[in-house]
């Protein structure tokens, strides 16, 4: 198991695989990571896409305290009216 640096975690794409990315970021073994996801005991939602478990990176950042609670990918977005 390889621990991830804060810089590596902040540089992740919008959605990441549960293993090895999330497991390594949390310092968990592979079997523990999958077991917690299957039992819905992770501190954020993990979603199954086909055979892979995926996690939103913003949820991982928020849990690790790397992003304030109120921020997210769409927070603060306000669409503008089309020009007439």
PDB file of N, CA and C in Angstrom:
ATOM      1  N   UNK A   1       0.855  -1.172   0.000  1.00  0.00           N
ATOM      2  CA  UNK A   1       0.000   0.000   0.000  1.00  0.00           C
ATOM      3  C   UNK A   1       0.904   1.239   0.000  1.00  0.00           C
ATOM      4  N   UNK A   2       0.573   2.167  -0.875  1.00  0.00           N
ATOM      5  CA  UNK A   2       1.342   3.393  -0.991  1.00  0.00           C
ATOM      6  C   UNK A   2       0.491   4.564  -0.542  1.00  0.00           C
ATOM      7  N   UNK A   3       0.970   5.320   0.410  1.00  0.00           N
ATOM      8  CA  UNK A   3       0.232   6.497   0.877  1.00  0.00           C
ATOM      9  C   UNK A   3       0.297   7.581  -0.190  1.00  0.00           C
ATOM     10  N   UNK A   4      -0.783   8.364  -0.292  1.00  0.00           N
ATOM     11  CA  UNK A   4      -0.832   9.450  -1.269  1.00  0.00           C
ATOM     12  C   UNK A   4      -0.524  10.770  -0.577  1.00  0.00           C
ATOM     13  N   UNK A   5       0.134  11.653  -1.299  1.00  0.00           N
ATOM     14  CA  UNK A   5       0.390  12.993  -0.763  1.00  0.00           C
ATOM     15  C   UNK A   5      -0.844  13.858  -0.986  1.00  0.00           C
ATOM     16  N   UNK A   6      -0.922  14.971  -0.281  1.00  0.00           N
ATOM     17  CA  UNK A   6      -2.043  15.899  -0.457  1.00  0.00           C
ATOM     18  C   UNK A   6      -2.053  16.415  -1.894  1.00  0.00           C
ATOM     19  N   UNK A   7      -0.902  16.715  -2.445  1.00  0.00           N
ATOM     20  CA  UNK A   7      -0.831  17.202  -3.830  1.00  0.00           C
ATOM     21  C   UNK A   7      -1.385  16.172  -4.800  1.00  0.00           C
ATOM     22  N   UNK A   8      -1.085  14.886  -4.591  1.00  0.00           N
ATOM     23  CA  UNK A   8      -1.609  13.833  -5.464  1.00  0.00           C
ATOM     24  C   UNK A   8      -3.122  13.719  -5.337  1.00  0.00           C
ATOM     25  N   UNK A   9      -3.628  13.839  -4.132  1.00  0.00           N
ATOM     26  CA  UNK A   9      -5.075  13.748  -3.905  1.00  0.00           C
ATOM     27  C   UNK A   9      -5.787  14.929  -4.557  1.00  0.00           C
ATOM     28  N   UNK A  10      -5.226  16.124  -4.432  1.00  0.00           N
ATOM     29  CA  UNK A  10      -5.858  17.306  -5.023  1.00  0.00           C
ATOM     30  C   UNK A  10      -5.805  17.288  -6.552  1.00  0.00           C
ATOM     31  N   UNK A  11      -4.925  16.499  -7.120  1.00  0.00           N
ATOM     32  CA  UNK A  11      -4.758  16.447  -8.573  1.00  0.00           C
ATOM     33  C   UNK A  11      -5.586  15.336  -9.226  1.00  0.00           C
ATOM     34  N   UNK A  12      -6.477  14.697  -8.482  1.00  0.00           N
ATOM     35  CA  UNK A  12      -7.267  13.592  -9.013  1.00  0.00           C
ATOM     36  C   UNK A  12      -8.381  14.086  -9.934  1.00  0.00           C
ATOM     37  N   UNK A  13      -8.822  13.237 -10.877  1.00  0.00           N
ATOM     38  CA  UNK A  13      -9.958  13.599 -11.728  1.00  0.00           C
ATOM     39  C   UNK A  13     -11.258  13.620 -10.928  1.00  0.00           C
ATOM     40  N   UNK A  14     -12.363  13.983 -11.554  1.00  0.00           N
ATOM     41  CA  UNK A  14     -13.646  14.173 -10.869  1.00  0.00           C
ATOM     42  C   UNK A  14     -14.171  12.909 -10.199  1.00  0.00           C
ATOM     43  N   UNK A  15     -13.921  11.752 -10.797  1.00  0.00           N
ATOM     44  CA  UNK A  15     -14.372  10.477 -10.243  1.00  0.00           C
ATOM     45  C   UNK A  15     -13.173   9.539 -10.235  1.00  0.00           C
ATOM     46  N   UNK A  16     -13.001   8.833  -9.122  1.00  0.00           N
ATOM     47  CA  UNK A  16     -11.835   7.958  -8.986  1.00  0.00           C
ATOM     48  C   UNK A  16     -12.257   6.558  -8.559  1.00  0.00           C
ATOM     49  N   UNK A  17     -11.431   5.558  -8.883  1.00  0.00           N
ATOM     50  CA  UNK A  17     -11.744   4.191  -8.469  1.00  0.00           C
ATOM     51  C   UNK A  17     -11.568   4.024  -6.955  1.00  0.00           C
ATOM     52  N   UNK A  18     -12.438   3.194  -6.395  1.00  0.00           N
ATOM     53  CA  UNK A  18     -12.365   2.904  -4.965  1.00  0.00           C
ATOM     54  C   UNK A  18     -11.005   2.316  -4.609  1.00  0.00           C
ATOM     55  N   UNK A  19     -10.569   1.345  -5.388  1.00  0.00           N
ATOM     56  CA  UNK A  19      -9.247   0.767  -5.187  1.00  0.00           C
ATOM     57  C   UNK A  19      -8.461   0.914  -6.462  1.00  0.00           C
ATOM     58  N   UNK A  20      -7.249   1.382  -6.422  1.00  0.00           N
ATOM     59  CA  UNK A  20      -6.449   1.659  -5.239  1.00  0.00           C
ATOM     60  C   UNK A  20      -6.541   3.110  -4.748  1.00  0.00           C
ATOM     61  N   UNK A  21      -7.130   4.013  -5.535  1.00  0.00           N
ATOM     62  CA  UNK A  21      -7.039   5.439  -5.224  1.00  0.00           C
ATOM     63  C   UNK A  21      -7.624   5.802  -3.864  1.00  0.00           C
ATOM     64  N   UNK A  22      -8.910   5.504  -3.643  1.00  0.00           N
ATOM     65  CA  UNK A  22      -9.552   5.893  -2.380  1.00  0.00           C
ATOM     66  C   UNK A  22      -8.970   5.098  -1.212  1.00  0.00           C
ATOM     67  N   UNK A  23      -8.769   3.823  -1.406  1.00  0.00           N
ATOM     68  CA  UNK A  23      -8.186   2.999  -0.352  1.00  0.00           C
ATOM     69  C   UNK A  23      -6.841   3.523   0.102  1.00  0.00           C
ATOM     70  N   UNK A  24      -5.987   3.873  -0.846  1.00  0.00           N
ATOM     71  CA  UNK A  24      -4.664   4.408  -0.494  1.00  0.00           C
ATOM     72  C   UNK A  24      -4.774   5.765   0.183  1.00  0.00           C
ATOM     73  N   UNK A  25      -5.685   6.612  -0.293  1.00  0.00           N
ATOM     74  CA  UNK A  25      -5.855   7.931   0.321  1.00  0.00           C
ATOM     75  C   UNK A  25      -6.305   7.808   1.766  1.00  0.00           C
ATOM     76  N   UNK A  26      -7.095   6.772   2.072  1.00  0.00           N
ATOM     77  CA  UNK A  26      -7.586   6.567   3.436  1.00  0.00           C
ATOM     78  C   UNK A  26      -6.674   5.673   4.262  1.00  0.00           C
ATOM     79  N   UNK A  27      -5.649   5.108   3.628  1.00  0.00           N
ATOM     80  CA  UNK A  27      -4.724   4.235   4.349  1.00  0.00           C
ATOM     81  C   UNK A  27      -5.319   2.883   4.680  1.00  0.00           C
ATOM     82  N   UNK A  28      -6.207   2.368   3.813  1.00  0.00           N
ATOM     83  CA  UNK A  28      -6.885   1.095   4.053  1.00  0.00           C
ATOM     84  C   UNK A  28      -6.337   0.005   3.148  1.00  0.00           C
ATOM     85  N   UNK A  29      -6.437  -1.216   3.598  1.00  0.00           N
ATOM     86  CA  UNK A  29      -6.087  -2.368   2.771  1.00  0.00           C
ATOM     87  C   UNK A  29      -7.183  -2.578   1.723  1.00  0.00           C
ATOM     88  N   UNK A  30      -6.860  -3.272   0.652  1.00  0.00           N
ATOM     89  CA  UNK A  30      -7.817  -3.495  -0.432  1.00  0.00           C
ATOM     90  C   UNK A  30      -9.084  -4.196   0.052  1.00  0.00           C
ATOM     91  N   UNK A  31      -8.937  -5.276   0.802  1.00  0.00           N
ATOM     92  CA  UNK A  31     -10.114  -6.025   1.256  1.00  0.00           C
ATOM     93  C   UNK A  31     -10.991  -5.179   2.176  1.00  0.00           C
ATOM     94  N   UNK A  32     -10.378  -4.402   3.037  1.00  0.00           N
ATOM     95  CA  UNK A  32     -11.142  -3.531   3.941  1.00  0.00           C
ATOM     96  C   UNK A  32     -11.891  -2.458   3.154  1.00  0.00           C
ATOM     97  N   UNK A  33     -11.244  -1.895   2.152  1.00  0.00           N
ATOM     98  CA  UNK A  33     -11.864  -0.854   1.328  1.00  0.00           C
ATOM     99  C   UNK A  33     -13.119  -1.385   0.651  1.00  0.00           C
ATOM    100  N   UNK A  34     -13.009  -2.534   0.001  1.00  0.00           N
ATOM    101  CA  UNK A  34     -14.172  -3.119  -0.679  1.00  0.00           C
ATOM    102  C   UNK A  34     -15.255  -3.556   0.302  1.00  0.00           C
ATOM    103  N   UNK A  35     -14.849  -4.089   1.448  1.00  0.00           N
ATOM    104  CA  UNK A  35     -15.817  -4.518   2.459  1.00  0.00           C
ATOM    105  C   UNK A  35     -16.625  -3.328   2.979  1.00  0.00           C
ATOM    106  N   UNK A  36     -15.969  -2.220   3.279  1.00  0.00           N
ATOM    107  CA  UNK A  36     -16.674  -1.028   3.760  1.00  0.00           C
ATOM    108  C   UNK A  36     -17.623  -0.472   2.694  1.00  0.00           C
ATOM    109  N   UNK A  37     -17.203  -0.506   1.436  1.00  0.00           N
ATOM    110  CA  UNK A  37     -18.068  -0.025   0.354  1.00  0.00           C
ATOM    111  C   UNK A  37     -19.299  -0.914   0.215  1.00  0.00           C
ATOM    112  N   UNK A  38     -19.112  -2.214   0.253  1.00  0.00           N
ATOM    113  CA  UNK A  38     -20.233  -3.151   0.123  1.00  0.00           C
ATOM    114  C   UNK A  38     -21.219  -3.004   1.275  1.00  0.00           C
ATOM    115  N   UNK A  39     -20.719  -2.686   2.451  1.00  0.00           N
ATOM    116  CA  UNK A  39     -21.571  -2.517   3.633  1.00  0.00           C
ATOM    117  C   UNK A  39     -22.093  -1.094   3.773  1.00  0.00           C
ATOM    118  N   UNK A  40     -21.746  -0.233   2.802  1.00  0.00           N
ATOM    119  CA  UNK A  40     -22.135   1.189   2.830  1.00  0.00           C
ATOM    120  C   UNK A  40     -21.673   1.862   4.126  1.00  0.00           C
ATOM    121  N   UNK A  41     -20.448   1.539   4.549  1.00  0.00           N
ATOM    122  CA  UNK A  41     -19.891   2.091   5.781  1.00  0.00           C
ATOM    123  C   UNK A  41     -18.771   3.089   5.534  1.00  0.00           C
ATOM    124  N   UNK A  42     -18.561   3.465   4.277  1.00  0.00           N
ATOM    125  CA  UNK A  42     -17.591   4.523   3.993  1.00  0.00           C
ATOM    126  C   UNK A  42     -18.215   5.861   4.374  1.00  0.00           C
ATOM    127  N   UNK A  43     -17.423   6.868   4.657  1.00  0.00           N
ATOM    128  CA  UNK A  43     -17.973   8.175   5.054  1.00  0.00           C
ATOM    129  C   UNK A  43     -18.511   8.982   3.869  1.00  0.00           C
ATOM    130  N   UNK A  44     -18.597   8.363   2.698  1.00  0.00           N
ATOM    131  CA  UNK A  44     -19.156   8.991   1.503  1.00  0.00           C
ATOM    132  C   UNK A  44     -19.670   7.880   0.604  1.00  0.00           C
ATOM    133  N   UNK A  45     -20.422   8.258  -0.411  1.00  0.00           N
ATOM    134  CA  UNK A  45     -21.039   7.269  -1.287  1.00  0.00           C
ATOM    135  C   UNK A  45     -20.035   6.695  -2.290  1.00  0.00           C
ATOM    136  N   UNK A  46     -20.058   5.388  -2.434  1.00  0.00           N
ATOM    137  CA  UNK A  46     -19.306   4.693  -3.478  1.00  0.00           C
ATOM    138  C   UNK A  46     -20.347   4.058  -4.392  1.00  0.00           C
ATOM    139  N   UNK A  47     -20.162   4.224  -5.698  1.00  0.00           N
ATOM    140  CA  UNK A  47     -21.148   3.762  -6.669  1.00  0.00           C
ATOM    141  C   UNK A  47     -20.526   2.688  -7.543  1.00  0.00           C
ATOM    142  N   UNK A  48     -21.301   1.659  -7.813  1.00  0.00           N
ATOM    143  CA  UNK A  48     -20.832   0.603  -8.706  1.00  0.00           C
ATOM    144  C   UNK A  48     -21.144   0.952 -10.136  1.00  0.00           C
ATOM    145  N   UNK A  49     -20.133   0.967 -10.979  1.00  0.00           N
ATOM    146  CA  UNK A  49     -20.294   1.168 -12.411  1.00  0.00           C
ATOM    147  C   UNK A  49     -19.742  -0.078 -13.095  1.00  0.00           C
ATOM    148  N   UNK A  50     -20.651  -0.962 -13.489  1.00  0.00           N
ATOM    149  CA  UNK A  50     -20.204  -2.250 -14.011  1.00  0.00           C
ATOM    150  C   UNK A  50     -19.571  -3.045 -12.884  1.00  0.00           C
ATOM    151  N   UNK A  51     -18.328  -3.435 -13.069  1.00  0.00           N
ATOM    152  CA  UNK A  51     -17.628  -4.195 -12.033  1.00  0.00           C
ATOM    153  C   UNK A  51     -16.785  -3.309 -11.124  1.00  0.00           C
ATOM    154  N   UNK A  52     -16.714  -2.007 -11.422  1.00  0.00           N
ATOM    155  CA  UNK A  52     -15.852  -1.108 -10.651  1.00  0.00           C
ATOM    156  C   UNK A  52     -16.640  -0.266  -9.666  1.00  0.00           C
ATOM    157  N   UNK A  53     -16.040  -0.020  -8.515  1.00  0.00           N
ATOM    158  CA  UNK A  53     -16.582   0.917  -7.528  1.00  0.00           C
ATOM    159  C   UNK A  53     -15.915   2.263  -7.780  1.00  0.00           C
ATOM    160  N   UNK A  54     -16.710   3.336  -7.821  1.00  0.00           N
ATOM    161  CA  UNK A  54     -16.175   4.678  -8.070  1.00  0.00           C
ATOM    162  C   UNK A  54     -16.648   5.635  -6.970  1.00  0.00           C
ATOM    163  N   UNK A  55     -15.871   6.690  -6.750  1.00  0.00           N
ATOM    164  CA  UNK A  55     -16.178   7.693  -5.719  1.00  0.00           C
ATOM    165  C   UNK A  55     -15.957   9.078  -6.330  1.00  0.00           C
ATOM    166  N   UNK A  56     -16.845  10.015  -5.996  1.00  0.00           N
ATOM    167  CA  UNK A  56     -16.642  11.403  -6.433  1.00  0.00           C
ATOM    168  C   UNK A  56     -15.457  11.986  -5.657  1.00  0.00           C
ATOM    169  N   UNK A  57     -14.541  12.572  -6.375  1.00  0.00           N
ATOM    170  CA  UNK A  57     -13.343  13.129  -5.756  1.00  0.00           C
ATOM    171  C   UNK A  57     -13.681  14.238  -4.769  1.00  0.00           C
ATOM    172  N   UNK A  58     -14.689  15.044  -5.078  1.00  0.00           N
ATOM    173  CA  UNK A  58     -15.066  16.133  -4.170  1.00  0.00           C
ATOM    174  C   UNK A  58     -15.490  15.570  -2.807  1.00  0.00           C
ATOM    175  N   UNK A  59     -16.124  14.395  -2.778  1.00  0.00           N
ATOM    176  CA  UNK A  59     -16.501  13.773  -1.503  1.00  0.00           C
ATOM    177  C   UNK A  59     -15.262  13.325  -0.723  1.00  0.00           C
ATOM    178  N   UNK A  60     -14.287  12.774  -1.438  1.00  0.00           N
ATOM    179  CA  UNK A  60     -13.033  12.373  -0.795  1.00  0.00           C
ATOM    180  C   UNK A  60     -12.304  13.597  -0.246  1.00  0.00           C
ATOM    181  N   UNK A  61     -12.239  14.661  -1.040  1.00  0.00           N
ATOM    182  CA  UNK A  61     -11.589  15.904  -0.578  1.00  0.00           C
ATOM    183  C   UNK A  61     -12.274  16.445   0.671  1.00  0.00           C
ATOM    184  N   UNK A  62     -13.599  16.476   0.638  1.00  0.00           N
ATOM    185  CA  UNK A  62     -14.365  17.017   1.771  1.00  0.00           C
ATOM    186  C   UNK A  62     -14.095  16.189   3.037  1.00  0.00           C
ATOM    187  N   UNK A  63     -14.115  14.858   2.914  1.00  0.00           N
ATOM    188  CA  UNK A  63     -13.879  13.994   4.073  1.00  0.00           C
ATOM    189  C   UNK A  63     -12.476  14.206   4.643  1.00  0.00           C
ATOM    190  N   UNK A  64     -11.499  14.395   3.768  1.00  0.00           N
ATOM    191  CA  UNK A  64     -10.122  14.579   4.224  1.00  0.00           C
ATOM    192  C   UNK A  64      -9.830  16.004   4.673  1.00  0.00           C
ATOM    193  N   UNK A  65     -10.834  16.881   4.590  1.00  0.00           N
ATOM    194  CA  UNK A  65     -10.663  18.253   5.034  1.00  0.00           C
ATOM    195  C   UNK A  65      -9.862  19.105   4.056  1.00  0.00           C
ATOM    196  N   UNK A  66      -9.833  18.691   2.802  1.00  0.00           N
ATOM    197  CA  UNK A  66      -9.079  19.424   1.792  1.00  0.00           C
ATOM    198  C   UNK A  66      -9.947  20.408   1.028  1.00  0.00           C
ATOM    199  N   UNK A  67     -11.241  20.396   1.294  1.00  0.00           N
ATOM    200  CA  UNK A  67     -12.173  21.293   0.616  1.00  0.00           C
ATOM    201  C   UNK A  67     -13.226  21.696   1.637  1.00  0.00           C
ATOM    202  N   UNK A  68     -13.524  22.971   1.753  1.00  0.00           N
ATOM    203  CA  UNK A  68     -14.548  23.398   2.715  1.00  0.00           C
ATOM    204  C   UNK A  68     -15.881  22.705   2.456  1.00  0.00           C
ATOM    205  N   UNK A  69     -16.658  22.538   3.498  1.00  0.00           N
ATOM    206  CA  UNK A  69     -17.926  21.808   3.442  1.00  0.00           C
ATOM    207  C   UNK A  69     -18.869  22.316   2.369  1.00  0.00           C
ATOM    208  N   UNK A  70     -18.924  23.619   2.128  1.00  0.00           N
ATOM    209  CA  UNK A  70     -19.903  24.169   1.206  1.00  0.00           C
ATOM    210  C   UNK A  70     -19.486  24.172  -0.250  1.00  0.00           C
ATOM    211  N   UNK A  71     -18.280  23.702  -0.580  1.00  0.00           N
ATOM    212  CA  UNK A  71     -17.854  23.770  -1.968  1.00  0.00           C
ATOM    213  C   UNK A  71     -18.061  22.448  -2.671  1.00  0.00           C
ATOM    214  N   UNK A  72     -18.244  22.538  -3.948  1.00  0.00           N
ATOM    215  CA  UNK A  72     -18.438  21.357  -4.772  1.00  0.00           C
ATOM    216  C   UNK A  72     -18.250  21.735  -6.214  1.00  0.00           C
ATOM    217  N   UNK A  73     -18.475  20.812  -7.075  1.00  0.00           N
ATOM    218  CA  UNK A  73     -18.220  21.069  -8.483  1.00  0.00           C
ATOM    219  C   UNK A  73     -19.181  22.080  -9.067  1.00  0.00           C
ATOM    220  N   UNK A  74     -20.431  22.105  -8.612  1.00  0.00           N
ATOM    221  CA  UNK A  74     -21.409  23.016  -9.202  1.00  0.00           C
ATOM    222  C   UNK A  74     -21.784  24.155  -8.258  1.00  0.00           C
ATOM    223  N   UNK A  75     -21.251  24.175  -7.057  1.00  0.00           N
ATOM    224  CA  UNK A  75     -21.595  25.234  -6.109  1.00  0.00           C
ATOM    225  C   UNK A  75     -21.208  26.595  -6.661  1.00  0.00           C
ATOM    226  N   UNK A  76     -22.097  27.531  -6.500  1.00  0.00           N
ATOM    227  CA  UNK A  76     -21.819  28.887  -6.916  1.00  0.00           C
ATOM    228  C   UNK A  76     -22.060  29.135  -8.389  1.00  0.00           C
ATOM    229  N   UNK A  77     -22.423  28.099  -9.135  1.00  0.00           N
ATOM    230  CA  UNK A  77     -22.691  28.283 -10.562  1.00  0.00           C
ATOM    231  C   UNK A  77     -24.039  28.944 -10.732  1.00  0.00           C
ATOM    232  N   UNK A  78     -24.057  30.020 -11.469  1.00  0.00           N
ATOM    233  CA  UNK A  78     -25.306  30.717 -11.759  1.00  0.00           C
ATOM    234  C   UNK A  78     -25.378  30.945 -13.257  1.00  0.00           C
ATOM    235  N   UNK A  79     -26.307  30.250 -13.909  1.00  0.00           N
ATOM    236  CA  UNK A  79     -26.394  30.419 -15.356  1.00  0.00           C
ATOM    237  C   UNK A  79     -26.840  31.832 -15.699  1.00  0.00           C
ATOM    238  N   UNK A  80     -26.352  32.337 -16.793  1.00  0.00           N
ATOM    239  CA  UNK A  80     -26.739  33.665 -17.246  1.00  0.00           C
ATOM    240  C   UNK A  80     -27.807  33.530 -18.304  1.00  0.00           C
ATOM    241  N   UNK A  81     -28.636  34.547 -18.403  1.00  0.00           N
ATOM    242  CA  UNK A  81     -29.684  34.540 -19.410  1.00  0.00           C
ATOM    243  C   UNK A  81     -29.058  34.738 -20.784  1.00  0.00           C
ATOM    244  N   UNK A  82     -29.595  34.059 -21.804  1.00  0.00           N
ATOM    245  CA  UNK A  82     -29.025  34.236 -23.140  1.00  0.00           C
ATOM    246  C   UNK A  82     -29.207  35.668 -23.626  1.00  0.00           C
ATOM    247  N   UNK A  83     -28.265  36.134 -24.392  1.00  0.00           N
ATOM    248  CA  UNK A  83     -28.336  37.500 -24.928  1.00  0.00           C
ATOM    249  C   UNK A  83     -29.500  37.598 -25.899  1.00  0.00           C
ATOM    250  N   UNK A  84     -30.218  38.708 -25.839  1.00  0.00           N
ATOM    251  CA  UNK A  84     -31.383  38.882 -26.716  1.00  0.00           C
ATOM    252  C   UNK A  84     -30.987  39.377 -28.076  1.00  0.00           C
TER     253      UNK A  84
END
